[in-house]
PDB file of N, CA and C in Angstrom:
ATOM      1  N   MET A   1     -11.369 -25.331 -24.278  1.00  0.00           N
ATOM      2  CA  MET A   1     -11.200 -25.227 -22.828  1.00  0.00           C
ATOM      3  C   MET A   1     -12.154 -24.171 -22.282  1.00  0.00           C
ATOM      4  N   LYS A   2     -12.827 -24.498 -21.242  1.00  0.00           N
ATOM      5  CA  LYS A   2     -13.799 -23.592 -20.637  1.00  0.00           C
ATOM      6  C   LYS A   2     -13.086 -22.466 -19.891  1.00  0.00           C
ATOM      7  N   SER A   3     -13.751 -21.308 -19.842  1.00  0.00           N
ATOM      8  CA  SER A   3     -13.171 -20.186 -19.107  1.00  0.00           C
ATOM      9  C   SER A   3     -13.295 -20.443 -17.607  1.00  0.00           C
ATOM     10  N   ASN A   4     -12.487 -19.743 -16.847  1.00  0.00           N
ATOM     11  CA  ASN A   4     -12.585 -19.853 -15.394  1.00  0.00           C
ATOM     12  C   ASN A   4     -13.968 -19.462 -14.907  1.00  0.00           C
ATOM     13  N   PHE A   5     -14.564 -18.438 -15.540  1.00  0.00           N
ATOM     14  CA  PHE A   5     -15.918 -18.033 -15.166  1.00  0.00           C
ATOM     15  C   PHE A   5     -16.889 -19.194 -15.331  1.00  0.00           C
ATOM     16  N   GLU A   6     -16.787 -19.894 -16.439  1.00  0.00           N
ATOM     17  CA  GLU A   6     -17.710 -20.999 -16.702  1.00  0.00           C
ATOM     18  C   GLU A   6     -17.530 -22.129 -15.694  1.00  0.00           C
ATOM     19  N   ASN A   7     -16.276 -22.458 -15.382  1.00  0.00           N
ATOM     20  CA  ASN A   7     -16.021 -23.525 -14.413  1.00  0.00           C
ATOM     21  C   ASN A   7     -16.523 -23.144 -13.025  1.00  0.00           C
ATOM     22  N   LEU A   8     -16.255 -21.916 -12.621  1.00  0.00           N
ATOM     23  CA  LEU A   8     -16.742 -21.452 -11.318  1.00  0.00           C
ATOM     24  C   LEU A   8     -18.264 -21.418 -11.294  1.00  0.00           C
ATOM     25  N   ALA A   9     -18.859 -20.925 -12.364  1.00  0.00           N
ATOM     26  CA  ALA A   9     -20.317 -20.845 -12.424  1.00  0.00           C
ATOM     27  C   ALA A   9     -20.945 -22.232 -12.327  1.00  0.00           C
ATOM     28  N   LYS A  10     -20.373 -23.212 -13.007  1.00  0.00           N
ATOM     29  CA  LYS A  10     -20.906 -24.581 -12.936  1.00  0.00           C
ATOM     30  C   LYS A  10     -20.894 -25.099 -11.508  1.00  0.00           C
ATOM     31  N   ARG A  11     -19.809 -24.838 -10.803  1.00  0.00           N
ATOM     32  CA  ARG A  11     -19.712 -25.289  -9.413  1.00  0.00           C
ATOM     33  C   ARG A  11     -20.766 -24.607  -8.540  1.00  0.00           C
ATOM     34  N   ILE A  12     -20.930 -23.313  -8.739  1.00  0.00           N
ATOM     35  CA  ILE A  12     -21.908 -22.546  -7.964  1.00  0.00           C
ATOM     36  C   ILE A  12     -23.335 -23.012  -8.271  1.00  0.00           C
ATOM     37  N   ILE A  13     -23.619 -23.209  -9.539  1.00  0.00           N
ATOM     38  CA  ILE A  13     -24.958 -23.657  -9.939  1.00  0.00           C
ATOM     39  C   ILE A  13     -25.254 -25.031  -9.358  1.00  0.00           C
ATOM     40  N   LYS A  14     -24.273 -25.924  -9.407  1.00  0.00           N
ATOM     41  CA  LYS A  14     -24.469 -27.257  -8.822  1.00  0.00           C
ATOM     42  C   LYS A  14     -24.738 -27.144  -7.324  1.00  0.00           C
ATOM     43  N   PHE A  15     -23.956 -26.313  -6.644  1.00  0.00           N
ATOM     44  CA  PHE A  15     -24.158 -26.096  -5.209  1.00  0.00           C
ATOM     45  C   PHE A  15     -25.594 -25.653  -4.942  1.00  0.00           C
ATOM     46  N   ARG A  16     -26.047 -24.645  -5.699  1.00  0.00           N
ATOM     47  CA  ARG A  16     -27.405 -24.122  -5.523  1.00  0.00           C
ATOM     48  C   ARG A  16     -28.458 -25.177  -5.862  1.00  0.00           C
ATOM     49  N   ASP A  17     -28.287 -25.812  -6.998  1.00  0.00           N
ATOM     50  CA  ASP A  17     -29.303 -26.748  -7.461  1.00  0.00           C
ATOM     51  C   ASP A  17     -29.379 -28.009  -6.608  1.00  0.00           C
ATOM     52  N   ASP A  18     -28.252 -28.454  -6.071  1.00  0.00           N
ATOM     53  CA  ASP A  18     -28.267 -29.617  -5.168  1.00  0.00           C
ATOM     54  C   ASP A  18     -29.104 -29.339  -3.929  1.00  0.00           C
ATOM     55  N   ARG A  19     -29.254 -28.076  -3.588  1.00  0.00           N
ATOM     56  CA  ARG A  19     -30.021 -27.683  -2.401  1.00  0.00           C
ATOM     57  C   ARG A  19     -31.431 -27.190  -2.740  1.00  0.00           C
ATOM     58  N   ASN A  20     -31.759 -27.200  -4.015  1.00  0.00           N
ATOM     59  CA  ASN A  20     -33.069 -26.751  -4.495  1.00  0.00           C
ATOM     60  C   ASN A  20     -33.358 -25.304  -4.082  1.00  0.00           C
ATOM     61  N   TRP A  21     -32.367 -24.444  -4.231  1.00  0.00           N
ATOM     62  CA  TRP A  21     -32.516 -23.042  -3.853  1.00  0.00           C
ATOM     63  C   TRP A  21     -32.921 -22.143  -5.010  1.00  0.00           C
ATOM     64  N   LYS A  22     -32.886 -22.650  -6.231  1.00  0.00           N
ATOM     65  CA  LYS A  22     -33.228 -21.799  -7.375  1.00  0.00           C
ATOM     66  C   LYS A  22     -34.625 -21.202  -7.215  1.00  0.00           C
ATOM     67  N   GLN A  23     -35.512 -21.932  -6.558  1.00  0.00           N
ATOM     68  CA  GLN A  23     -36.877 -21.442  -6.349  1.00  0.00           C
ATOM     69  C   GLN A  23     -36.915 -20.108  -5.601  1.00  0.00           C
ATOM     70  N   PHE A  24     -35.864 -19.793  -4.884  1.00  0.00           N
ATOM     71  CA  PHE A  24     -35.806 -18.545  -4.118  1.00  0.00           C
ATOM     72  C   PHE A  24     -35.069 -17.433  -4.858  1.00  0.00           C
ATOM     73  N   HIS A  25     -34.532 -17.772  -6.029  1.00  0.00           N
ATOM     74  CA  HIS A  25     -33.638 -16.842  -6.724  1.00  0.00           C
ATOM     75  C   HIS A  25     -34.324 -16.146  -7.887  1.00  0.00           C
ATOM     76  N   ASN A  26     -34.802 -14.957  -7.631  1.00  0.00           N
ATOM     77  CA  ASN A  26     -35.294 -14.090  -8.698  1.00  0.00           C
ATOM     78  C   ASN A  26     -34.291 -12.932  -8.802  1.00  0.00           C
ATOM     79  N   PRO A  27     -34.296 -12.213  -9.924  1.00  0.00           N
ATOM     80  CA  PRO A  27     -33.287 -11.164 -10.093  1.00  0.00           C
ATOM     81  C   PRO A  27     -33.240 -10.139  -8.961  1.00  0.00           C
ATOM     82  N   LYS A  28     -34.387  -9.745  -8.451  1.00  0.00           N
ATOM     83  CA  LYS A  28     -34.410  -8.741  -7.378  1.00  0.00           C
ATOM     84  C   LYS A  28     -33.721  -9.257  -6.127  1.00  0.00           C
ATOM     85  N   ASP A  29     -34.077 -10.451  -5.688  1.00  0.00           N
ATOM     86  CA  ASP A  29     -33.504 -10.979  -4.456  1.00  0.00           C
ATOM     87  C   ASP A  29     -32.027 -11.326  -4.618  1.00  0.00           C
ATOM     88  N   MET A  30     -31.640 -11.760  -5.803  1.00  0.00           N
ATOM     89  CA  MET A  30     -30.221 -12.023  -6.029  1.00  0.00           C
ATOM     90  C   MET A  30     -29.433 -10.713  -6.050  1.00  0.00           C
ATOM     91  N   ALA A  31     -30.007  -9.660  -6.616  1.00  0.00           N
ATOM     92  CA  ALA A  31     -29.346  -8.351  -6.602  1.00  0.00           C
ATOM     93  C   ALA A  31     -29.188  -7.850  -5.168  1.00  0.00           C
ATOM     94  N   ILE A  32     -30.207  -8.046  -4.366  1.00  0.00           N
ATOM     95  CA  ILE A  32     -30.123  -7.658  -2.951  1.00  0.00           C
ATOM     96  C   ILE A  32     -29.011  -8.442  -2.261  1.00  0.00           C
ATOM     97  N   SER A  33     -28.942  -9.735  -2.530  1.00  0.00           N
ATOM     98  CA  SER A  33     -27.894 -10.557  -1.918  1.00  0.00           C
ATOM     99  C   SER A  33     -26.508 -10.089  -2.335  1.00  0.00           C
ATOM    100  N   LEU A  34     -26.352  -9.705  -3.603  1.00  0.00           N
ATOM    101  CA  LEU A  34     -25.072  -9.185  -4.082  1.00  0.00           C
ATOM    102  C   LEU A  34     -24.681  -7.924  -3.317  1.00  0.00           C
ATOM    103  N   VAL A  35     -25.623  -7.028  -3.127  1.00  0.00           N
ATOM    104  CA  VAL A  35     -25.345  -5.792  -2.396  1.00  0.00           C
ATOM    105  C   VAL A  35     -25.028  -6.089  -0.928  1.00  0.00           C
ATOM    106  N   LEU A  36     -25.765  -6.989  -0.330  1.00  0.00           N
ATOM    107  CA  LEU A  36     -25.512  -7.332   1.070  1.00  0.00           C
ATOM    108  C   LEU A  36     -24.113  -7.921   1.257  1.00  0.00           C
ATOM    109  N   GLU A  37     -23.718  -8.802   0.362  1.00  0.00           N
ATOM    110  CA  GLU A  37     -22.372  -9.368   0.448  1.00  0.00           C
ATOM    111  C   GLU A  37     -21.314  -8.297   0.205  1.00  0.00           C
ATOM    112  N   SER A  38     -21.596  -7.386  -0.705  1.00  0.00           N
ATOM    113  CA  SER A  38     -20.657  -6.282  -0.970  1.00  0.00           C
ATOM    114  C   SER A  38     -20.487  -5.409   0.264  1.00  0.00           C
ATOM    115  N   THR A  39     -21.571  -5.182   0.984  1.00  0.00           N
ATOM    116  CA  THR A  39     -21.455  -4.357   2.193  1.00  0.00           C
ATOM    117  C   THR A  39     -20.699  -5.091   3.292  1.00  0.00           C
ATOM    118  N   GLU A  40     -20.814  -6.423   3.341  1.00  0.00           N
ATOM    119  CA  GLU A  40     -20.023  -7.175   4.314  1.00  0.00           C
ATOM    120  C   GLU A  40     -18.536  -7.032   4.003  1.00  0.00           C
ATOM    121  N   PHE A  41     -18.195  -6.995   2.727  1.00  0.00           N
ATOM    122  CA  PHE A  41     -16.812  -6.724   2.322  1.00  0.00           C
ATOM    123  C   PHE A  41     -16.410  -5.316   2.752  1.00  0.00           C
ATOM    124  N   LEU A  42     -17.277  -4.366   2.493  1.00  0.00           N
ATOM    125  CA  LEU A  42     -17.009  -2.962   2.799  1.00  0.00           C
ATOM    126  C   LEU A  42     -16.823  -2.723   4.297  1.00  0.00           C
ATOM    127  N   GLU A  43     -17.527  -3.474   5.108  1.00  0.00           N
ATOM    128  CA  GLU A  43     -17.409  -3.310   6.563  1.00  0.00           C
ATOM    129  C   GLU A  43     -15.984  -3.499   7.070  1.00  0.00           C
ATOM    130  N   HIS A  44     -15.199  -4.257   6.345  1.00  0.00           N
ATOM    131  CA  HIS A  44     -13.808  -4.466   6.766  1.00  0.00           C
ATOM    132  C   HIS A  44     -12.994  -3.171   6.745  1.00  0.00           C
ATOM    133  N   PHE A  45     -13.459  -2.190   6.006  1.00  0.00           N
ATOM    134  CA  PHE A  45     -12.695  -0.948   5.839  1.00  0.00           C
ATOM    135  C   PHE A  45     -13.354   0.263   6.506  1.00  0.00           C
ATOM    136  N   GLN A  46     -14.594   0.105   6.891  1.00  0.00           N
ATOM    137  CA  GLN A  46     -15.340   1.220   7.472  1.00  0.00           C
ATOM    138  C   GLN A  46     -14.685   1.705   8.758  1.00  0.00           C
ATOM    139  N   TRP A  47     -14.597   3.002   8.897  1.00  0.00           N
ATOM    140  CA  TRP A  47     -14.103   3.710  10.077  1.00  0.00           C
ATOM    141  C   TRP A  47     -12.635   3.463  10.356  1.00  0.00           C
ATOM    142  N   LYS A  48     -11.887   2.983   9.394  1.00  0.00           N
ATOM    143  CA  LYS A  48     -10.464   2.739   9.610  1.00  0.00           C
ATOM    144  C   LYS A  48      -9.650   3.747   8.806  1.00  0.00           C
ATOM    145  N   ASN A  49      -8.572   4.231   9.416  1.00  0.00           N
ATOM    146  CA  ASN A  49      -7.646   5.082   8.672  1.00  0.00           C
ATOM    147  C   ASN A  49      -6.688   4.174   7.892  1.00  0.00           C
ATOM    148  N   ASN A  50      -5.777   4.766   7.137  1.00  0.00           N
ATOM    149  CA  ASN A  50      -4.882   3.972   6.284  1.00  0.00           C
ATOM    150  C   ASN A  50      -4.039   2.974   7.082  1.00  0.00           C
ATOM    151  N   GLU A  51      -3.534   3.380   8.222  1.00  0.00           N
ATOM    152  CA  GLU A  51      -2.730   2.473   9.056  1.00  0.00           C
ATOM    153  C   GLU A  51      -3.564   1.305   9.556  1.00  0.00           C
ATOM    154  N   GLU A  52      -4.763   1.596  10.006  1.00  0.00           N
ATOM    155  CA  GLU A  52      -5.645   0.542  10.501  1.00  0.00           C
ATOM    156  C   GLU A  52      -6.046  -0.415   9.380  1.00  0.00           C
ATOM    157  N   ILE A  53      -6.244   0.123   8.196  1.00  0.00           N
ATOM    158  CA  ILE A  53      -6.577  -0.729   7.053  1.00  0.00           C
ATOM    159  C   ILE A  53      -5.424  -1.674   6.738  1.00  0.00           C
ATOM    160  N   GLU A  54      -4.200  -1.148   6.723  1.00  0.00           N
ATOM    161  CA  GLU A  54      -3.026  -1.992   6.455  1.00  0.00           C
ATOM    162  C   GLU A  54      -2.939  -3.139   7.463  1.00  0.00           C
ATOM    163  N   ALA A  55      -3.111  -2.833   8.727  1.00  0.00           N
ATOM    164  CA  ALA A  55      -3.057  -3.861   9.769  1.00  0.00           C
ATOM    165  C   ALA A  55      -4.202  -4.852   9.607  1.00  0.00           C
ATOM    166  N   HIS A  56      -5.373  -4.349   9.313  1.00  0.00           N
ATOM    167  CA  HIS A  56      -6.548  -5.208   9.146  1.00  0.00           C
ATOM    168  C   HIS A  56      -6.357  -6.149   7.958  1.00  0.00           C
ATOM    169  N   LEU A  57      -5.791  -5.627   6.875  1.00  0.00           N
ATOM    170  CA  LEU A  57      -5.543  -6.465   5.702  1.00  0.00           C
ATOM    171  C   LEU A  57      -4.602  -7.622   6.036  1.00  0.00           C
ATOM    172  N   LYS A  58      -3.619  -7.366   6.882  1.00  0.00           N
ATOM    173  CA  LYS A  58      -2.684  -8.424   7.285  1.00  0.00           C
ATOM    174  C   LYS A  58      -3.366  -9.433   8.204  1.00  0.00           C
ATOM    175  N   ASN A  59      -4.158  -8.935   9.139  1.00  0.00           N
ATOM    176  CA  ASN A  59      -4.755  -9.804  10.156  1.00  0.00           C
ATOM    177  C   ASN A  59      -6.037 -10.507   9.712  1.00  0.00           C
ATOM    178  N   LYS A  60      -6.731  -9.943   8.766  1.00  0.00           N
ATOM    179  CA  LYS A  60      -8.047 -10.471   8.384  1.00  0.00           C
ATOM    180  C   LYS A  60      -8.143 -10.811   6.896  1.00  0.00           C
ATOM    181  N   LYS A  61      -7.016 -11.087   6.280  1.00  0.00           N
ATOM    182  CA  LYS A  61      -7.010 -11.326   4.834  1.00  0.00           C
ATOM    183  C   LYS A  61      -7.951 -12.473   4.448  1.00  0.00           C
ATOM    184  N   LYS A  62      -7.979 -13.548   5.219  1.00  0.00           N
ATOM    185  CA  LYS A  62      -8.854 -14.689   4.916  1.00  0.00           C
ATOM    186  C   LYS A  62     -10.324 -14.276   4.999  1.00  0.00           C
ATOM    187  N   ASP A  63     -10.684 -13.504   6.004  1.00  0.00           N
ATOM    188  CA  ASP A  63     -12.073 -13.037   6.132  1.00  0.00           C
ATOM    189  C   ASP A  63     -12.457 -12.139   4.955  1.00  0.00           C
ATOM    190  N   ILE A  64     -11.541 -11.278   4.555  1.00  0.00           N
ATOM    191  CA  ILE A  64     -11.788 -10.379   3.421  1.00  0.00           C
ATOM    192  C   ILE A  64     -11.933 -11.199   2.141  1.00  0.00           C
ATOM    193  N   ALA A  65     -11.074 -12.200   1.978  1.00  0.00           N
ATOM    194  CA  ALA A  65     -11.157 -13.079   0.809  1.00  0.00           C
ATOM    195  C   ALA A  65     -12.504 -13.803   0.766  1.00  0.00           C
ATOM    196  N   ASP A  66     -12.974 -14.247   1.926  1.00  0.00           N
ATOM    197  CA  ASP A  66     -14.281 -14.914   1.988  1.00  0.00           C
ATOM    198  C   ASP A  66     -15.400 -13.991   1.516  1.00  0.00           C
ATOM    199  N   GLU A  67     -15.332 -12.738   1.925  1.00  0.00           N
ATOM    200  CA  GLU A  67     -16.369 -11.786   1.517  1.00  0.00           C
ATOM    201  C   GLU A  67     -16.314 -11.520   0.007  1.00  0.00           C
ATOM    202  N   LEU A  68     -15.111 -11.394  -0.531  1.00  0.00           N
ATOM    203  CA  LEU A  68     -14.984 -11.212  -1.986  1.00  0.00           C
ATOM    204  C   LEU A  68     -15.499 -12.438  -2.731  1.00  0.00           C
ATOM    205  N   ALA A  69     -15.231 -13.607  -2.183  1.00  0.00           N
ATOM    206  CA  ALA A  69     -15.744 -14.833  -2.797  1.00  0.00           C
ATOM    207  C   ALA A  69     -17.268 -14.845  -2.783  1.00  0.00           C
ATOM    208  N   ASP A  70     -17.877 -14.367  -1.707  1.00  0.00           N
ATOM    209  CA  ASP A  70     -19.340 -14.279  -1.648  1.00  0.00           C
ATOM    210  C   ASP A  70     -19.877 -13.337  -2.723  1.00  0.00           C
ATOM    211  N   VAL A  71     -19.186 -12.223  -2.934  1.00  0.00           N
ATOM    212  CA  VAL A  71     -19.590 -11.278  -3.983  1.00  0.00           C
ATOM    213  C   VAL A  71     -19.497 -11.960  -5.349  1.00  0.00           C
ATOM    214  N   LEU A  72     -18.383 -12.630  -5.589  1.00  0.00           N
ATOM    215  CA  LEU A  72     -18.203 -13.315  -6.868  1.00  0.00           C
ATOM    216  C   LEU A  72     -19.254 -14.402  -7.063  1.00  0.00           C
ATOM    217  N   TYR A  73     -19.603 -15.111  -6.015  1.00  0.00           N
ATOM    218  CA  TYR A  73     -20.657 -16.132  -6.069  1.00  0.00           C
ATOM    219  C   TYR A  73     -21.929 -15.540  -6.678  1.00  0.00           C
ATOM    220  N   TRP A  74     -22.356 -14.404  -6.135  1.00  0.00           N
ATOM    221  CA  TRP A  74     -23.603 -13.800  -6.617  1.00  0.00           C
ATOM    222  C   TRP A  74     -23.457 -13.226  -8.014  1.00  0.00           C
ATOM    223  N   VAL A  75     -22.315 -12.646  -8.334  1.00  0.00           N
ATOM    224  CA  VAL A  75     -22.098 -12.121  -9.689  1.00  0.00           C
ATOM    225  C   VAL A  75     -22.210 -13.254 -10.701  1.00  0.00           C
ATOM    226  N   LEU A  76     -21.552 -14.366 -10.428  1.00  0.00           N
ATOM    227  CA  LEU A  76     -21.583 -15.487 -11.367  1.00  0.00           C
ATOM    228  C   LEU A  76     -22.971 -16.110 -11.467  1.00  0.00           C
ATOM    229  N   LEU A  77     -23.647 -16.229 -10.351  1.00  0.00           N
ATOM    230  CA  LEU A  77     -24.980 -16.824 -10.362  1.00  0.00           C
ATOM    231  C   LEU A  77     -25.977 -15.928 -11.103  1.00  0.00           C
ATOM    232  N   ILE A  78     -25.925 -14.643 -10.850  1.00  0.00           N
ATOM    233  CA  ILE A  78     -26.809 -13.702 -11.531  1.00  0.00           C
ATOM    234  C   ILE A  78     -26.529 -13.711 -13.034  1.00  0.00           C
ATOM    235  N   ALA A  79     -25.263 -13.671 -13.406  1.00  0.00           N
ATOM    236  CA  ALA A  79     -24.914 -13.694 -14.831  1.00  0.00           C
ATOM    237  C   ALA A  79     -25.457 -14.957 -15.489  1.00  0.00           C
ATOM    238  N   ASN A  80     -25.323 -16.080 -14.821  1.00  0.00           N
ATOM    239  CA  ASN A  80     -25.853 -17.330 -15.372  1.00  0.00           C
ATOM    240  C   ASN A  80     -27.364 -17.249 -15.553  1.00  0.00           C
ATOM    241  N   ASP A  81     -28.048 -16.857 -14.508  1.00  0.00           N
ATOM    242  CA  ASP A  81     -29.512 -16.855 -14.550  1.00  0.00           C
ATOM    243  C   ASP A  81     -30.073 -15.820 -15.517  1.00  0.00           C
ATOM    244  N   LEU A  82     -29.333 -14.747 -15.774  1.00  0.00           N
ATOM    245  CA  LEU A  82     -29.786 -13.727 -16.719  1.00  0.00           C
ATOM    246  C   LEU A  82     -29.184 -13.937 -18.118  1.00  0.00           C
ATOM    247  N   ASP A  83     -28.477 -15.048 -18.285  1.00  0.00           N
ATOM    248  CA  ASP A  83     -27.859 -15.413 -19.559  1.00  0.00           C
ATOM    249  C   ASP A  83     -26.935 -14.300 -20.072  1.00  0.00           C
ATOM    250  N   ILE A  84     -26.052 -13.861 -19.191  1.00  0.00           N
ATOM    251  CA  ILE A  84     -25.057 -12.835 -19.528  1.00  0.00           C
ATOM    252  C   ILE A  84     -23.686 -13.498 -19.596  1.00  0.00           C
ATOM    253  N   ASP A  85     -23.017 -13.338 -20.701  1.00  0.00           N
ATOM    254  CA  ASP A  85     -21.657 -13.837 -20.867  1.00  0.00           C
ATOM    255  C   ASP A  85     -20.722 -12.807 -20.233  1.00  0.00           C
ATOM    256  N   LEU A  86     -20.214 -13.114 -19.066  1.00  0.00           N
ATOM    257  CA  LEU A  86     -19.401 -12.146 -18.320  1.00  0.00           C
ATOM    258  C   LEU A  86     -18.118 -11.783 -19.050  1.00  0.00           C
ATOM    259  N   ARG A  87     -17.503 -12.738 -19.694  1.00  0.00           N
ATOM    260  CA  ARG A  87     -16.269 -12.434 -20.424  1.00  0.00           C
ATOM    261  C   ARG A  87     -16.571 -11.415 -21.522  1.00  0.00           C
ATOM    262  N   GLN A  88     -17.641 -11.640 -22.270  1.00  0.00           N
ATOM    263  CA  GLN A  88     -18.030 -10.710 -23.341  1.00  0.00           C
ATOM    264  C   GLN A  88     -18.443  -9.359 -22.758  1.00  0.00           C
ATOM    265  N   ALA A  89     -19.196  -9.390 -21.662  1.00  0.00           N
ATOM    266  CA  ALA A  89     -19.642  -8.147 -21.030  1.00  0.00           C
ATOM    267  C   ALA A  89     -18.447  -7.335 -20.538  1.00  0.00           C
ATOM    268  N   LEU A  90     -17.469  -8.012 -19.944  1.00  0.00           N
ATOM    269  CA  LEU A  90     -16.288  -7.299 -19.452  1.00  0.00           C
ATOM    270  C   LEU A  90     -15.469  -6.732 -20.611  1.00  0.00           C
ATOM    271  N   ASP A  91     -15.310  -7.507 -21.653  1.00  0.00           N
ATOM    272  CA  ASP A  91     -14.587  -7.004 -22.830  1.00  0.00           C
ATOM    273  C   ASP A  91     -15.267  -5.754 -23.380  1.00  0.00           C
ATOM    274  N   SER A  92     -16.575  -5.817 -23.515  1.00  0.00           N
ATOM    275  CA  SER A  92     -17.338  -4.682 -24.041  1.00  0.00           C
ATOM    276  C   SER A  92     -17.217  -3.465 -23.133  1.00  0.00           C
ATOM    277  N   LYS A  93     -17.310  -3.685 -21.835  1.00  0.00           N
ATOM    278  CA  LYS A  93     -17.217  -2.579 -20.873  1.00  0.00           C
ATOM    279  C   LYS A  93     -15.828  -1.962 -20.867  1.00  0.00           C
ATOM    280  N   MET A  94     -14.799  -2.784 -21.000  1.00  0.00           N
ATOM    281  CA  MET A  94     -13.442  -2.253 -21.023  1.00  0.00           C
ATOM    282  C   MET A  94     -13.205  -1.396 -22.263  1.00  0.00           C
ATOM    283  N   ILE A  95     -13.782  -1.776 -23.380  1.00  0.00           N
ATOM    284  CA  ILE A  95     -13.666  -0.948 -24.592  1.00  0.00           C
ATOM    285  C   ILE A  95     -14.316   0.412 -24.340  1.00  0.00           C
ATOM    286  N   LYS A  96     -15.491   0.419 -23.723  1.00  0.00           N
ATOM    287  CA  LYS A  96     -16.162   1.677 -23.391  1.00  0.00           C
ATOM    288  C   LYS A  96     -15.312   2.509 -22.428  1.00  0.00           C
ATOM    289  N   ASN A  97     -14.737   1.841 -21.416  1.00  0.00           N
ATOM    290  CA  ASN A  97     -13.904   2.552 -20.436  1.00  0.00           C
ATOM    291  C   ASN A  97     -12.661   3.147 -21.081  1.00  0.00           C
ATOM    292  N   GLU A  98     -12.060   2.404 -22.010  1.00  0.00           N
ATOM    293  CA  GLU A  98     -10.869   2.906 -22.695  1.00  0.00           C
ATOM    294  C   GLU A  98     -11.179   4.157 -23.510  1.00  0.00           C
ATOM    295  N   ILE A  99     -12.391   4.217 -24.052  1.00  0.00           N
ATOM    296  CA  ILE A  99     -12.813   5.408 -24.803  1.00  0.00           C
ATOM    297  C   ILE A  99     -13.100   6.564 -23.842  1.00  0.00           C
ATOM    298  N   LYS A 100     -13.790   6.273 -22.744  1.00  0.00           N
ATOM    299  CA  LYS A 100     -14.143   7.333 -21.785  1.00  0.00           C
ATOM    300  C   LYS A 100     -12.933   7.847 -21.011  1.00  0.00           C
ATOM    301  N   TYR A 101     -11.944   6.976 -20.816  1.00  0.00           N
ATOM    302  CA  TYR A 101     -10.768   7.330 -20.025  1.00  0.00           C
ATOM    303  C   TYR A 101      -9.489   7.123 -20.845  1.00  0.00           C
ATOM    304  N   PRO A 102      -9.274   7.962 -21.864  1.00  0.00           N
ATOM    305  CA  PRO A 102      -8.039   7.808 -22.649  1.00  0.00           C
ATOM    306  C   PRO A 102      -6.819   8.089 -21.771  1.00  0.00           C
ATOM    307  N   VAL A 103      -5.764   7.336 -22.012  1.00  0.00           N
ATOM    308  CA  VAL A 103      -4.565   7.434 -21.178  1.00  0.00           C
ATOM    309  C   VAL A 103      -4.058   8.862 -21.103  1.00  0.00           C
ATOM    310  N   HIS A 104      -4.027   9.556 -22.217  1.00  0.00           N
ATOM    311  CA  HIS A 104      -3.438  10.902 -22.213  1.00  0.00           C
ATOM    312  C   HIS A 104      -4.224  11.891 -21.345  1.00  0.00           C
ATOM    313  N   LYS A 105      -5.483  11.588 -21.046  1.00  0.00           N
ATOM    314  CA  LYS A 105      -6.260  12.463 -20.167  1.00  0.00           C
ATOM    315  C   LYS A 105      -6.398  11.903 -18.750  1.00  0.00           C
ATOM    316  N   ALA A 106      -6.455  10.593 -18.626  1.00  0.00           N
ATOM    317  CA  ALA A 106      -6.806   9.986 -17.347  1.00  0.00           C
ATOM    318  C   ALA A 106      -5.612   9.530 -16.512  1.00  0.00           C
ATOM    319  N   LYS A 107      -4.449   9.406 -17.101  1.00  0.00           N
ATOM    320  CA  LYS A 107      -3.303   8.860 -16.379  1.00  0.00           C
ATOM    321  C   LYS A 107      -2.972   9.713 -15.154  1.00  0.00           C
ATOM    322  N   GLY A 108      -2.974   9.061 -13.996  1.00  0.00           N
ATOM    323  CA  GLY A 108      -2.655   9.731 -12.752  1.00  0.00           C
ATOM    324  C   GLY A 108      -3.737  10.680 -12.269  1.00  0.00           C
ATOM    325  N   ASN A 109      -4.946  10.538 -12.809  1.00  0.00           N
ATOM    326  CA  ASN A 109      -6.031  11.469 -12.529  1.00  0.00           C
ATOM    327  C   ASN A 109      -7.249  10.693 -12.046  1.00  0.00           C
ATOM    328  N   HIS A 110      -7.932  11.193 -11.038  1.00  0.00           N
ATOM    329  CA  HIS A 110      -9.094  10.493 -10.484  1.00  0.00           C
ATOM    330  C   HIS A 110     -10.421  11.076 -10.961  1.00  0.00           C
ATOM    331  N   LEU A 111     -10.386  12.025 -11.867  1.00  0.00           N
ATOM    332  CA  LEU A 111     -11.624  12.657 -12.316  1.00  0.00           C
ATOM    333  C   LEU A 111     -12.520  11.693 -13.076  1.00  0.00           C
ATOM    334  N   LYS A 112     -13.815  11.902 -12.956  1.00  0.00           N
ATOM    335  CA  LYS A 112     -14.790  11.148 -13.724  1.00  0.00           C
ATOM    336  C   LYS A 112     -14.669  11.544 -15.189  1.00  0.00           C
ATOM    337  N   TYR A 113     -15.024  10.632 -16.076  1.00  0.00           N
ATOM    338  CA  TYR A 113     -14.847  10.887 -17.520  1.00  0.00           C
ATOM    339  C   TYR A 113     -15.544  12.157 -17.989  1.00  0.00           C
ATOM    340  N   THR A 114     -16.659  12.506 -17.368  1.00  0.00           N
ATOM    341  CA  THR A 114     -17.362  13.725 -17.769  1.00  0.00           C
ATOM    342  C   THR A 114     -16.562  14.972 -17.441  1.00  0.00           C
ATOM    343  N   GLU A 115     -15.692  14.882 -16.447  1.00  0.00           N
ATOM    344  CA  GLU A 115     -14.829  15.999 -16.072  1.00  0.00           C
ATOM    345  C   GLU A 115     -13.534  16.009 -16.875  1.00  0.00           C
ATOM    346  N   LEU A 116     -13.171  14.880 -17.444  1.00  0.00           N
ATOM    347  CA  LEU A 116     -11.941  14.789 -18.238  1.00  0.00           C
ATOM    348  C   LEU A 116     -12.106  15.456 -19.612  1.00  0.00           C
ATOM    349  N   GLU A 117     -13.338  15.614 -20.054  1.00  0.00           N
ATOM    350  CA  GLU A 117     -13.584  16.158 -21.385  1.00  0.00           C
ATOM    351  C   GLU A 117     -12.941  17.536 -21.577  1.00  0.00           C
ATOM    352  N   ASN A 118     -12.823  18.302 -20.501  1.00  0.00           N
ATOM    353  CA  ASN A 118     -12.271  19.644 -20.590  1.00  0.00           C
ATOM    354  C   ASN A 118     -10.752  19.666 -20.500  1.00  0.00           C
ATOM    355  N   LYS A 119     -10.142  18.549 -20.319  1.00  0.00           N
ATOM    356  CA  LYS A 119      -8.677  18.504 -20.151  1.00  0.00           C
ATOM    357  C   LYS A 119      -7.992  18.405 -21.484  1.00  0.00           C
TER     358      LYS A 119
END
């Protein structure tokens, strides 16, 4: 059975390829697109206090979901084009994170791992 990443990536690749857009997709421009979509997501929270964010999340959840979907679109497309297995990459990164942020030092703490070393 294929992973969800693979199924989503196939759909995205078909969408792109049916439109002959691959010719415009180099790593630099795709990275820029990923950042641009991420900032569109971020705009939903800019200049809002916690109360305003809560209200915005209730009123604009579909718009926020659309922006996250755009981010995921580019992540999956970039991973495909750069031949990166996202499931393997995430597993590997989580192992690194678990080492950098051991529970006994990081639980309930927002410090960066370099600052946790002294704890």
